[in-house]
Amino acid sequence: MAGVDQMRQQLLKTFILLIFLSFTSLSQAQALYPVMGKISQLSDSTITVMDTKLRLSPTVKIYSRSGKAISIDNLKPGDRVGLQTTRLNGKVLVDSIHVIKR
């Protein structure tokens, strides 16, 4: 059973990575590499993951583990998330947040 659970976790990580690479919502924006880790701090305009503070884009999309759109109010410090970042006008912005584990 443990091998099956590990395989499922790896498939989930691969799926999430593919989602990150396929989304971009800001025109004229350059997609950057995804960031994954636990939320240590969160506000309406910034998120800190793995000691990296990033600004949220005004159009940030947030998704639950099941892929359902959720609000920023559903996130909390300690949640493990994946972030897709983008660069716009020289600034790095978080374009989407995917909850990996609560």
PDB file of N, CA and C in Angstrom:
ATOM      1  N   MET A   1       0.806  -1.198   0.000  1.00  0.00           N
ATOM      2  CA  MET A   1       0.000   0.000   0.000  1.00  0.00           C
ATOM      3  C   MET A   1       0.850   1.264   0.000  1.00  0.00           C
ATOM      4  N   ALA A   2       1.976   1.228   0.725  1.00  0.00           N
ATOM      5  CA  ALA A   2       2.828   2.412   0.808  1.00  0.00           C
ATOM      6  C   ALA A   2       3.354   2.797  -0.564  1.00  0.00           C
ATOM      7  N   GLY A   3       3.672   1.813  -1.387  1.00  0.00           N
ATOM      8  CA  GLY A   3       4.161   2.096  -2.743  1.00  0.00           C
ATOM      9  C   GLY A   3       3.106   2.782  -3.598  1.00  0.00           C
ATOM     10  N   VAL A   4       1.853   2.369  -3.418  1.00  0.00           N
ATOM     11  CA  VAL A   4       0.741   2.975  -4.166  1.00  0.00           C
ATOM     12  C   VAL A   4       0.564   4.437  -3.743  1.00  0.00           C
ATOM     13  N   ASP A   5       0.639   4.708  -2.433  1.00  0.00           N
ATOM     14  CA  ASP A   5       0.501   6.078  -1.937  1.00  0.00           C
ATOM     15  C   ASP A   5       1.619   6.961  -2.458  1.00  0.00           C
ATOM     16  N   GLN A   6       2.842   6.446  -2.492  1.00  0.00           N
ATOM     17  CA  GLN A   6       3.967   7.224  -3.022  1.00  0.00           C
ATOM     18  C   GLN A   6       3.773   7.515  -4.498  1.00  0.00           C
ATOM     19  N   MET A   7       3.267   6.532  -5.241  1.00  0.00           N
ATOM     20  CA  MET A   7       3.023   6.727  -6.666  1.00  0.00           C
ATOM     21  C   MET A   7       1.947   7.788  -6.873  1.00  0.00           C
ATOM     22  N   ARG A   8       0.895   7.753  -6.058  1.00  0.00           N
ATOM     23  CA  ARG A   8      -0.175   8.755  -6.168  1.00  0.00           C
ATOM     24  C   ARG A   8       0.359  10.156  -5.867  1.00  0.00           C
ATOM     25  N   GLN A   9       1.197  10.264  -4.835  1.00  0.00           N
ATOM     26  CA  GLN A   9       1.770  11.567  -4.495  1.00  0.00           C
ATOM     27  C   GLN A   9       2.643  12.088  -5.633  1.00  0.00           C
ATOM     28  N   GLN A  10       3.438  11.221  -6.230  1.00  0.00           N
ATOM     29  CA  GLN A  10       4.294  11.634  -7.345  1.00  0.00           C
ATOM     30  C   GLN A  10       3.450  12.064  -8.537  1.00  0.00           C
ATOM     31  N   LEU A  11       2.380  11.313  -8.829  1.00  0.00           N
ATOM     32  CA  LEU A  11       1.491  11.691  -9.923  1.00  0.00           C
ATOM     33  C   LEU A  11       0.827  13.040  -9.657  1.00  0.00           C
ATOM     34  N   LEU A  12       0.419  13.284  -8.404  1.00  0.00           N
ATOM     35  CA  LEU A  12      -0.186  14.564  -8.042  1.00  0.00           C
ATOM     36  C   LEU A  12       0.803  15.701  -8.240  1.00  0.00           C
ATOM     37  N   LYS A  13       2.045  15.515  -7.804  1.00  0.00           N
ATOM     38  CA  LYS A  13       3.075  16.550  -7.984  1.00  0.00           C
ATOM     39  C   LYS A  13       3.321  16.822  -9.460  1.00  0.00           C
ATOM     40  N   THR A  14       3.369  15.754 -10.265  1.00  0.00           N
ATOM     41  CA  THR A  14       3.574  15.919 -11.706  1.00  0.00           C
ATOM     42  C   THR A  14       2.404  16.664 -12.325  1.00  0.00           C
ATOM     43  N   PHE A  15       1.186  16.309 -11.933  1.00  0.00           N
ATOM     44  CA  PHE A  15      -0.009  16.969 -12.445  1.00  0.00           C
ATOM     45  C   PHE A  15      -0.005  18.452 -12.093  1.00  0.00           C
ATOM     46  N   ILE A  16       0.333  18.771 -10.852  1.00  0.00           N
ATOM     47  CA  ILE A  16       0.369  20.165 -10.414  1.00  0.00           C
ATOM     48  C   ILE A  16       1.422  20.940 -11.194  1.00  0.00           C
ATOM     49  N   LEU A  17       2.577  20.339 -11.412  1.00  0.00           N
ATOM     50  CA  LEU A  17       3.627  21.002 -12.180  1.00  0.00           C
ATOM     51  C   LEU A  17       3.147  21.297 -13.597  1.00  0.00           C
ATOM     52  N   LEU A  18       2.440  20.346 -14.213  1.00  0.00           N
ATOM     53  CA  LEU A  18       1.905  20.581 -15.551  1.00  0.00           C
ATOM     54  C   LEU A  18       0.878  21.706 -15.560  1.00  0.00           C
ATOM     55  N   ILE A  19       0.074  21.778 -14.516  1.00  0.00           N
ATOM     56  CA  ILE A  19      -0.903  22.870 -14.411  1.00  0.00           C
ATOM     57  C   ILE A  19      -0.177  24.210 -14.339  1.00  0.00           C
ATOM     58  N   PHE A  20       0.880  24.277 -13.520  1.00  0.00           N
ATOM     59  CA  PHE A  20       1.642  25.524 -13.390  1.00  0.00           C
ATOM     60  C   PHE A  20       2.177  25.985 -14.730  1.00  0.00           C
ATOM     61  N   LEU A  21       2.690  25.046 -15.489  1.00  0.00           N
ATOM     62  CA  LEU A  21       3.325  25.402 -16.747  1.00  0.00           C
ATOM     63  C   LEU A  21       2.314  25.777 -17.829  1.00  0.00           C
ATOM     64  N   SER A  22       1.056  25.418 -17.642  1.00  0.00           N
ATOM     65  CA  SER A  22       0.058  25.694 -18.672  1.00  0.00           C
ATOM     66  C   SER A  22      -0.753  26.963 -18.432  1.00  0.00           C
ATOM     67  N   PHE A  23      -0.714  27.526 -17.211  1.00  0.00           N
ATOM     68  CA  PHE A  23      -1.509  28.705 -16.884  1.00  0.00           C
ATOM     69  C   PHE A  23      -0.696  29.982 -17.040  1.00  0.00           C
ATOM     70  N   THR A  24      -1.286  30.996 -17.587  1.00  0.00           N
ATOM     71  CA  THR A  24      -0.807  32.369 -17.472  1.00  0.00           C
ATOM     72  C   THR A  24      -1.986  33.275 -17.781  1.00  0.00           C
ATOM     73  N   SER A  25      -2.242  34.247 -16.928  1.00  0.00           N
ATOM     74  CA  SER A  25      -3.431  35.076 -17.119  1.00  0.00           C
ATOM     75  C   SER A  25      -3.096  36.530 -17.405  1.00  0.00           C
ATOM     76  N   LEU A  26      -1.846  36.902 -17.297  1.00  0.00           N
ATOM     77  CA  LEU A  26      -1.483  38.289 -17.542  1.00  0.00           C
ATOM     78  C   LEU A  26      -0.885  38.423 -18.933  1.00  0.00           C
ATOM     79  N   SER A  27      -1.466  39.303 -19.746  1.00  0.00           N
ATOM     80  CA  SER A  27      -0.924  39.495 -21.080  1.00  0.00           C
ATOM     81  C   SER A  27       0.445  40.172 -20.978  1.00  0.00           C
ATOM     82  N   GLN A  28       1.294  39.872 -21.924  1.00  0.00           N
ATOM     83  CA  GLN A  28       2.652  40.411 -21.975  1.00  0.00           C
ATOM     84  C   GLN A  28       3.449  40.037 -20.730  1.00  0.00           C
ATOM     85  N   ALA A  29       3.099  38.955 -20.105  1.00  0.00           N
ATOM     86  CA  ALA A  29       3.815  38.506 -18.915  1.00  0.00           C
ATOM     87  C   ALA A  29       4.692  37.322 -19.283  1.00  0.00           C
ATOM     88  N   GLN A  30       5.807  37.195 -18.609  1.00  0.00           N
ATOM     89  CA  GLN A  30       6.732  36.103 -18.838  1.00  0.00           C
ATOM     90  C   GLN A  30       6.595  35.101 -17.700  1.00  0.00           C
ATOM     91  N   ALA A  31       6.203  33.861 -18.028  1.00  0.00           N
ATOM     92  CA  ALA A  31       6.036  32.840 -16.991  1.00  0.00           C
ATOM     93  C   ALA A  31       7.404  32.440 -16.444  1.00  0.00           C
ATOM     94  N   LEU A  32       7.471  32.244 -15.135  1.00  0.00           N
ATOM     95  CA  LEU A  32       8.691  31.829 -14.468  1.00  0.00           C
ATOM     96  C   LEU A  32       8.485  30.436 -13.886  1.00  0.00           C
ATOM     97  N   TYR A  33       9.491  29.929 -13.221  1.00  0.00           N
ATOM     98  CA  TYR A  33       9.408  28.604 -12.627  1.00  0.00           C
ATOM     99  C   TYR A  33       8.453  28.585 -11.441  1.00  0.00           C
ATOM    100  N   PRO A  34       7.790  27.458 -11.218  1.00  0.00           N
ATOM    101  CA  PRO A  34       6.912  27.345 -10.053  1.00  0.00           C
ATOM    102  C   PRO A  34       7.715  27.266  -8.755  1.00  0.00           C
ATOM    103  N   VAL A  35       7.083  27.692  -7.673  1.00  0.00           N
ATOM    104  CA  VAL A  35       7.665  27.629  -6.332  1.00  0.00           C
ATOM    105  C   VAL A  35       6.750  26.745  -5.495  1.00  0.00           C
ATOM    106  N   MET A  36       7.328  25.822  -4.709  1.00  0.00           N
ATOM    107  CA  MET A  36       6.522  24.954  -3.866  1.00  0.00           C
ATOM    108  C   MET A  36       7.051  25.000  -2.444  1.00  0.00           C
ATOM    109  N   GLY A  37       6.157  24.967  -1.464  1.00  0.00           N
ATOM    110  CA  GLY A  37       6.573  24.956  -0.076  1.00  0.00           C
ATOM    111  C   GLY A  37       5.416  25.307   0.844  1.00  0.00           C
ATOM    112  N   LYS A  38       5.738  25.456   2.133  1.00  0.00           N
ATOM    113  CA  LYS A  38       4.729  25.804   3.138  1.00  0.00           C
ATOM    114  C   LYS A  38       4.609  27.314   3.266  1.00  0.00           C
ATOM    115  N   ILE A  39       3.379  27.776   3.450  1.00  0.00           N
ATOM    116  CA  ILE A  39       3.128  29.191   3.689  1.00  0.00           C
ATOM    117  C   ILE A  39       3.599  29.525   5.094  1.00  0.00           C
ATOM    118  N   SER A  40       4.468  30.540   5.207  1.00  0.00           N
ATOM    119  CA  SER A  40       4.867  30.981   6.546  1.00  0.00           C
ATOM    120  C   SER A  40       4.158  32.281   6.923  1.00  0.00           C
ATOM    121  N   GLN A  41       3.847  33.132   5.927  1.00  0.00           N
ATOM    122  CA  GLN A  41       3.090  34.365   6.168  1.00  0.00           C
ATOM    123  C   GLN A  41       2.197  34.632   4.973  1.00  0.00           C
ATOM    124  N   LEU A  42       1.077  35.292   5.233  1.00  0.00           N
ATOM    125  CA  LEU A  42       0.103  35.561   4.183  1.00  0.00           C
ATOM    126  C   LEU A  42      -0.629  36.858   4.477  1.00  0.00           C
ATOM    127  N   SER A  43      -0.787  37.688   3.445  1.00  0.00           N
ATOM    128  CA  SER A  43      -1.608  38.897   3.558  1.00  0.00           C
ATOM    129  C   SER A  43      -2.437  39.012   2.284  1.00  0.00           C
ATOM    130  N   ASP A  44      -3.215  40.069   2.168  1.00  0.00           N
ATOM    131  CA  ASP A  44      -4.027  40.266   0.963  1.00  0.00           C
ATOM    132  C   ASP A  44      -3.179  40.542  -0.270  1.00  0.00           C
ATOM    133  N   SER A  45      -1.938  40.991  -0.080  1.00  0.00           N
ATOM    134  CA  SER A  45      -1.115  41.361  -1.230  1.00  0.00           C
ATOM    135  C   SER A  45       0.193  40.590  -1.350  1.00  0.00           C
ATOM    136  N   THR A  46       0.573  39.808  -0.319  1.00  0.00           N
ATOM    137  CA  THR A  46       1.831  39.056  -0.383  1.00  0.00           C
ATOM    138  C   THR A  46       1.666  37.664   0.226  1.00  0.00           C
ATOM    139  N   ILE A  47       2.592  36.782  -0.164  1.00  0.00           N
ATOM    140  CA  ILE A  47       2.666  35.442   0.406  1.00  0.00           C
ATOM    141  C   ILE A  47       4.137  35.116   0.608  1.00  0.00           C
ATOM    142  N   THR A  48       4.464  34.489   1.730  1.00  0.00           N
ATOM    143  CA  THR A  48       5.835  34.074   1.995  1.00  0.00           C
ATOM    144  C   THR A  48       5.861  32.556   2.053  1.00  0.00           C
ATOM    145  N   VAL A  49       6.671  31.974   1.161  1.00  0.00           N
ATOM    146  CA  VAL A  49       6.845  30.529   1.067  1.00  0.00           C
ATOM    147  C   VAL A  49       8.337  30.251   1.026  1.00  0.00           C
ATOM    148  N   MET A  50       8.803  29.369   1.897  1.00  0.00           N
ATOM    149  CA  MET A  50      10.223  29.005   1.953  1.00  0.00           C
ATOM    150  C   MET A  50      11.111  30.245   2.092  1.00  0.00           C
ATOM    151  N   ASP A  51      10.750  31.141   3.002  1.00  0.00           N
ATOM    152  CA  ASP A  51      11.495  32.374   3.281  1.00  0.00           C
ATOM    153  C   ASP A  51      11.577  33.324   2.089  1.00  0.00           C
ATOM    154  N   THR A  52      10.705  33.138   1.102  1.00  0.00           N
ATOM    155  CA  THR A  52      10.657  34.020  -0.061  1.00  0.00           C
ATOM    156  C   THR A  52       9.327  34.753  -0.060  1.00  0.00           C
ATOM    157  N   LYS A  53       9.386  36.077   0.067  1.00  0.00           N
ATOM    158  CA  LYS A  53       8.169  36.892   0.069  1.00  0.00           C
ATOM    159  C   LYS A  53       7.884  37.329  -1.363  1.00  0.00           C
ATOM    160  N   LEU A  54       6.675  37.023  -1.823  1.00  0.00           N
ATOM    161  CA  LEU A  54       6.276  37.350  -3.186  1.00  0.00           C
ATOM    162  C   LEU A  54       4.982  38.147  -3.177  1.00  0.00           C
ATOM    163  N   ARG A  55       4.874  39.077  -4.106  1.00  0.00           N
ATOM    164  CA  ARG A  55       3.665  39.888  -4.255  1.00  0.00           C
ATOM    165  C   ARG A  55       2.641  39.112  -5.080  1.00  0.00           C
ATOM    166  N   LEU A  56       1.373  39.173  -4.668  1.00  0.00           N
ATOM    167  CA  LEU A  56       0.288  38.537  -5.403  1.00  0.00           C
ATOM    168  C   LEU A  56      -0.166  39.447  -6.538  1.00  0.00           C
ATOM    169  N   SER A  57      -0.419  38.876  -7.710  1.00  0.00           N
ATOM    170  CA  SER A  57      -0.951  39.683  -8.804  1.00  0.00           C
ATOM    171  C   SER A  57      -2.393  40.058  -8.470  1.00  0.00           C
ATOM    172  N   PRO A  58      -2.891  41.140  -9.043  1.00  0.00           N
ATOM    173  CA  PRO A  58      -4.281  41.538  -8.776  1.00  0.00           C
ATOM    174  C   PRO A  58      -5.283  40.486  -9.259  1.00  0.00           C
ATOM    175  N   THR A  59      -4.858  39.639 -10.196  1.00  0.00           N
ATOM    176  CA  THR A  59      -5.754  38.621 -10.751  1.00  0.00           C
ATOM    177  C   THR A  59      -5.373  37.215 -10.297  1.00  0.00           C
ATOM    178  N   VAL A  60      -4.704  37.093  -9.139  1.00  0.00           N
ATOM    179  CA  VAL A  60      -4.249  35.781  -8.673  1.00  0.00           C
ATOM    180  C   VAL A  60      -5.426  34.815  -8.563  1.00  0.00           C
ATOM    181  N   LYS A  61      -5.194  33.584  -9.026  1.00  0.00           N
ATOM    182  CA  LYS A  61      -6.201  32.534  -8.934  1.00  0.00           C
ATOM    183  C   LYS A  61      -5.725  31.541  -7.888  1.00  0.00           C
ATOM    184  N   ILE A  62      -6.648  31.065  -7.046  1.00  0.00           N
ATOM    185  CA  ILE A  62      -6.303  30.147  -5.963  1.00  0.00           C
ATOM    186  C   ILE A  62      -7.181  28.910  -6.103  1.00  0.00           C
ATOM    187  N   TYR A  63      -6.525  27.736  -6.026  1.00  0.00           N
ATOM    188  CA  TYR A  63      -7.225  26.472  -6.236  1.00  0.00           C
ATOM    189  C   TYR A  63      -7.008  25.528  -5.059  1.00  0.00           C
ATOM    190  N   SER A  64      -8.065  24.793  -4.690  1.00  0.00           N
ATOM    191  CA  SER A  64      -7.971  23.770  -3.648  1.00  0.00           C
ATOM    192  C   SER A  64      -7.287  22.539  -4.219  1.00  0.00           C
ATOM    193  N   ARG A  65      -7.069  21.538  -3.377  1.00  0.00           N
ATOM    194  CA  ARG A  65      -6.462  20.280  -3.829  1.00  0.00           C
ATOM    195  C   ARG A  65      -7.279  19.636  -4.931  1.00  0.00           C
ATOM    196  N   SER A  66      -8.591  19.808  -4.893  1.00  0.00           N
ATOM    197  CA  SER A  66      -9.464  19.192  -5.903  1.00  0.00           C
ATOM    198  C   SER A  66      -9.532  20.007  -7.187  1.00  0.00           C
ATOM    199  N   GLY A  67      -8.891  21.181  -7.205  1.00  0.00           N
ATOM    200  CA  GLY A  67      -8.905  22.023  -8.396  1.00  0.00           C
ATOM    201  C   GLY A  67      -9.996  23.074  -8.398  1.00  0.00           C
ATOM    202  N   LYS A  68     -10.796  23.119  -7.338  1.00  0.00           N
ATOM    203  CA  LYS A  68     -11.891  24.092  -7.229  1.00  0.00           C
ATOM    204  C   LYS A  68     -11.325  25.460  -6.859  1.00  0.00           C
ATOM    205  N   ALA A  69     -11.830  26.513  -7.490  1.00  0.00           N
ATOM    206  CA  ALA A  69     -11.403  27.873  -7.167  1.00  0.00           C
ATOM    207  C   ALA A  69     -11.842  28.237  -5.755  1.00  0.00           C
ATOM    208  N   ILE A  70     -10.913  28.806  -4.985  1.00  0.00           N
ATOM    209  CA  ILE A  70     -11.201  29.217  -3.609  1.00  0.00           C
ATOM    210  C   ILE A  70     -10.680  30.636  -3.413  1.00  0.00           C
ATOM    211  N   SER A  71     -11.017  31.245  -2.283  1.00  0.00           N
ATOM    212  CA  SER A  71     -10.549  32.604  -1.994  1.00  0.00           C
ATOM    213  C   SER A  71      -9.300  32.548  -1.122  1.00  0.00           C
ATOM    214  N   ILE A  72      -8.621  33.660  -1.034  1.00  0.00           N
ATOM    215  CA  ILE A  72      -7.411  33.748  -0.213  1.00  0.00           C
ATOM    216  C   ILE A  72      -7.730  33.498   1.257  1.00  0.00           C
ATOM    217  N   ASP A  73      -8.962  33.743   1.664  1.00  0.00           N
ATOM    218  CA  ASP A  73      -9.372  33.506   3.048  1.00  0.00           C
ATOM    219  C   ASP A  73      -9.297  32.022   3.431  1.00  0.00           C
ATOM    220  N   ASN A  74      -9.289  31.129   2.423  1.00  0.00           N
ATOM    221  CA  ASN A  74      -9.210  29.697   2.687  1.00  0.00           C
ATOM    222  C   ASN A  74      -7.779  29.215   2.924  1.00  0.00           C
ATOM    223  N   LEU A  75      -6.788  30.077   2.694  1.00  0.00           N
ATOM    224  CA  LEU A  75      -5.387  29.714   2.922  1.00  0.00           C
ATOM    225  C   LEU A  75      -4.973  30.102   4.330  1.00  0.00           C
ATOM    226  N   LYS A  76      -3.988  29.359   4.872  1.00  0.00           N
ATOM    227  CA  LYS A  76      -3.475  29.697   6.201  1.00  0.00           C
ATOM    228  C   LYS A  76      -2.012  29.282   6.278  1.00  0.00           C
ATOM    229  N   PRO A  77      -1.245  29.913   7.168  1.00  0.00           N
ATOM    230  CA  PRO A  77       0.145  29.502   7.358  1.00  0.00           C
ATOM    231  C   PRO A  77       0.210  28.010   7.694  1.00  0.00           C
ATOM    232  N   GLY A  78       1.181  27.337   7.111  1.00  0.00           N
ATOM    233  CA  GLY A  78       1.339  25.898   7.295  1.00  0.00           C
ATOM    234  C   GLY A  78       0.828  25.089   6.122  1.00  0.00           C
ATOM    235  N   ASP A  79      -0.079  25.680   5.301  1.00  0.00           N
ATOM    236  CA  ASP A  79      -0.547  24.978   4.106  1.00  0.00           C
ATOM    237  C   ASP A  79       0.621  24.808   3.143  1.00  0.00           C
ATOM    238  N   ARG A  80       0.716  23.624   2.531  1.00  0.00           N
ATOM    239  CA  ARG A  80       1.732  23.388   1.509  1.00  0.00           C
ATOM    240  C   ARG A  80       1.097  23.762   0.171  1.00  0.00           C
ATOM    241  N   VAL A  81       1.747  24.649  -0.566  1.00  0.00           N
ATOM    242  CA  VAL A  81       1.184  25.169  -1.804  1.00  0.00           C
ATOM    243  C   VAL A  81       2.221  25.154  -2.922  1.00  0.00           C
ATOM    244  N   GLY A  82       1.716  25.259  -4.117  1.00  0.00           N
ATOM    245  CA  GLY A  82       2.534  25.474  -5.297  1.00  0.00           C
ATOM    246  C   GLY A  82       2.141  26.815  -5.875  1.00  0.00           C
ATOM    247  N   LEU A  83       3.117  27.609  -6.241  1.00  0.00           N
ATOM    248  CA  LEU A  83       2.871  28.943  -6.788  1.00  0.00           C
ATOM    249  C   LEU A  83       3.379  29.014  -8.214  1.00  0.00           C
ATOM    250  N   GLN A  84       2.590  29.582  -9.092  1.00  0.00           N
ATOM    251  CA  GLN A  84       3.084  29.892 -10.419  1.00  0.00           C
ATOM    252  C   GLN A  84       3.350  31.386 -10.434  1.00  0.00           C
ATOM    253  N   THR A  85       4.565  31.742 -10.777  1.00  0.00           N
ATOM    254  CA  THR A  85       4.935  33.147 -10.801  1.00  0.00           C
ATOM    255  C   THR A  85       5.047  33.638 -12.231  1.00  0.00           C
ATOM    256  N   THR A  86       4.984  34.942 -12.367  1.00  0.00           N
ATOM    257  CA  THR A  86       5.133  35.581 -13.660  1.00  0.00           C
ATOM    258  C   THR A  86       5.866  36.893 -13.449  1.00  0.00           C
ATOM    259  N   ARG A  87       6.493  37.391 -14.487  1.00  0.00           N
ATOM    260  CA  ARG A  87       7.195  38.670 -14.404  1.00  0.00           C
ATOM    261  C   ARG A  87       6.453  39.672 -15.286  1.00  0.00           C
ATOM    262  N   LEU A  88       6.102  40.802 -14.704  1.00  0.00           N
ATOM    263  CA  LEU A  88       5.387  41.846 -15.431  1.00  0.00           C
ATOM    264  C   LEU A  88       6.000  43.182 -15.058  1.00  0.00           C
ATOM    265  N   ASN A  89       6.435  43.907 -16.057  1.00  0.00           N
ATOM    266  CA  ASN A  89       7.086  45.206 -15.835  1.00  0.00           C
ATOM    267  C   ASN A  89       8.247  45.095 -14.847  1.00  0.00           C
ATOM    268  N   GLY A  90       9.003  44.011 -14.949  1.00  0.00           N
ATOM    269  CA  GLY A  90      10.172  43.828 -14.108  1.00  0.00           C
ATOM    270  C   GLY A  90       9.893  43.332 -12.701  1.00  0.00           C
ATOM    271  N   LYS A  91       8.638  43.104 -12.369  1.00  0.00           N
ATOM    272  CA  LYS A  91       8.287  42.630 -11.025  1.00  0.00           C
ATOM    273  C   LYS A  91       7.811  41.181 -11.094  1.00  0.00           C
ATOM    274  N   VAL A  92       8.224  40.378 -10.111  1.00  0.00           N
ATOM    275  CA  VAL A  92       7.768  38.997 -10.014  1.00  0.00           C
ATOM    276  C   VAL A  92       6.470  38.986  -9.227  1.00  0.00           C
ATOM    277  N   LEU A  93       5.438  38.385  -9.819  1.00  0.00           N
ATOM    278  CA  LEU A  93       4.120  38.308  -9.195  1.00  0.00           C
ATOM    279  C   LEU A  93       3.652  36.858  -9.155  1.00  0.00           C
ATOM    280  N   VAL A  94       2.897  36.510  -8.123  1.00  0.00           N
ATOM    281  CA  VAL A  94       2.267  35.191  -8.050  1.00  0.00           C
ATOM    282  C   VAL A  94       0.981  35.258  -8.856  1.00  0.00           C
ATOM    283  N   ASP A  95       0.888  34.411  -9.885  1.00  0.00           N
ATOM    284  CA  ASP A  95      -0.270  34.408 -10.767  1.00  0.00           C
ATOM    285  C   ASP A  95      -1.308  33.376 -10.350  1.00  0.00           C
ATOM    286  N   SER A  96      -0.840  32.251  -9.751  1.00  0.00           N
ATOM    287  CA  SER A  96      -1.791  31.248  -9.260  1.00  0.00           C
ATOM    288  C   SER A  96      -1.193  30.495  -8.076  1.00  0.00           C
ATOM    289  N   ILE A  97      -2.091  30.047  -7.204  1.00  0.00           N
ATOM    290  CA  ILE A  97      -1.719  29.299  -6.007  1.00  0.00           C
ATOM    291  C   ILE A  97      -2.541  28.011  -6.011  1.00  0.00           C
ATOM    292  N   HIS A  98      -1.844  26.877  -5.835  1.00  0.00           N
ATOM    293  CA  HIS A  98      -2.505  25.575  -5.788  1.00  0.00           C
ATOM    294  C   HIS A  98      -2.199  24.924  -4.455  1.00  0.00           C
ATOM    295  N   VAL A  99      -3.241  24.612  -3.686  1.00  0.00           N
ATOM    296  CA  VAL A  99      -3.047  23.936  -2.399  1.00  0.00           C
ATOM    297  C   VAL A  99      -2.661  22.486  -2.693  1.00  0.00           C
ATOM    298  N   ILE A 100      -1.538  22.059  -2.124  1.00  0.00           N
ATOM    299  CA  ILE A 100      -1.076  20.688  -2.295  1.00  0.00           C
ATOM    300  C   ILE A 100      -1.474  19.844  -1.090  1.00  0.00           C
ATOM    301  N   LYS A 101      -1.316  20.432   0.092  1.00  0.00           N
ATOM    302  CA  LYS A 101      -1.639  19.695   1.328  1.00  0.00           C
ATOM    303  C   LYS A 101      -1.971  20.686   2.415  1.00  0.00           C
ATOM    304  N   ARG A 102      -2.969  20.362   3.211  1.00  0.00           N
ATOM    305  CA  ARG A 102      -3.342  21.224   4.345  1.00  0.00           C
ATOM    306  C   ARG A 102      -2.686  20.738   5.594  1.00  0.00           C
TER     307      ARG A 102
END
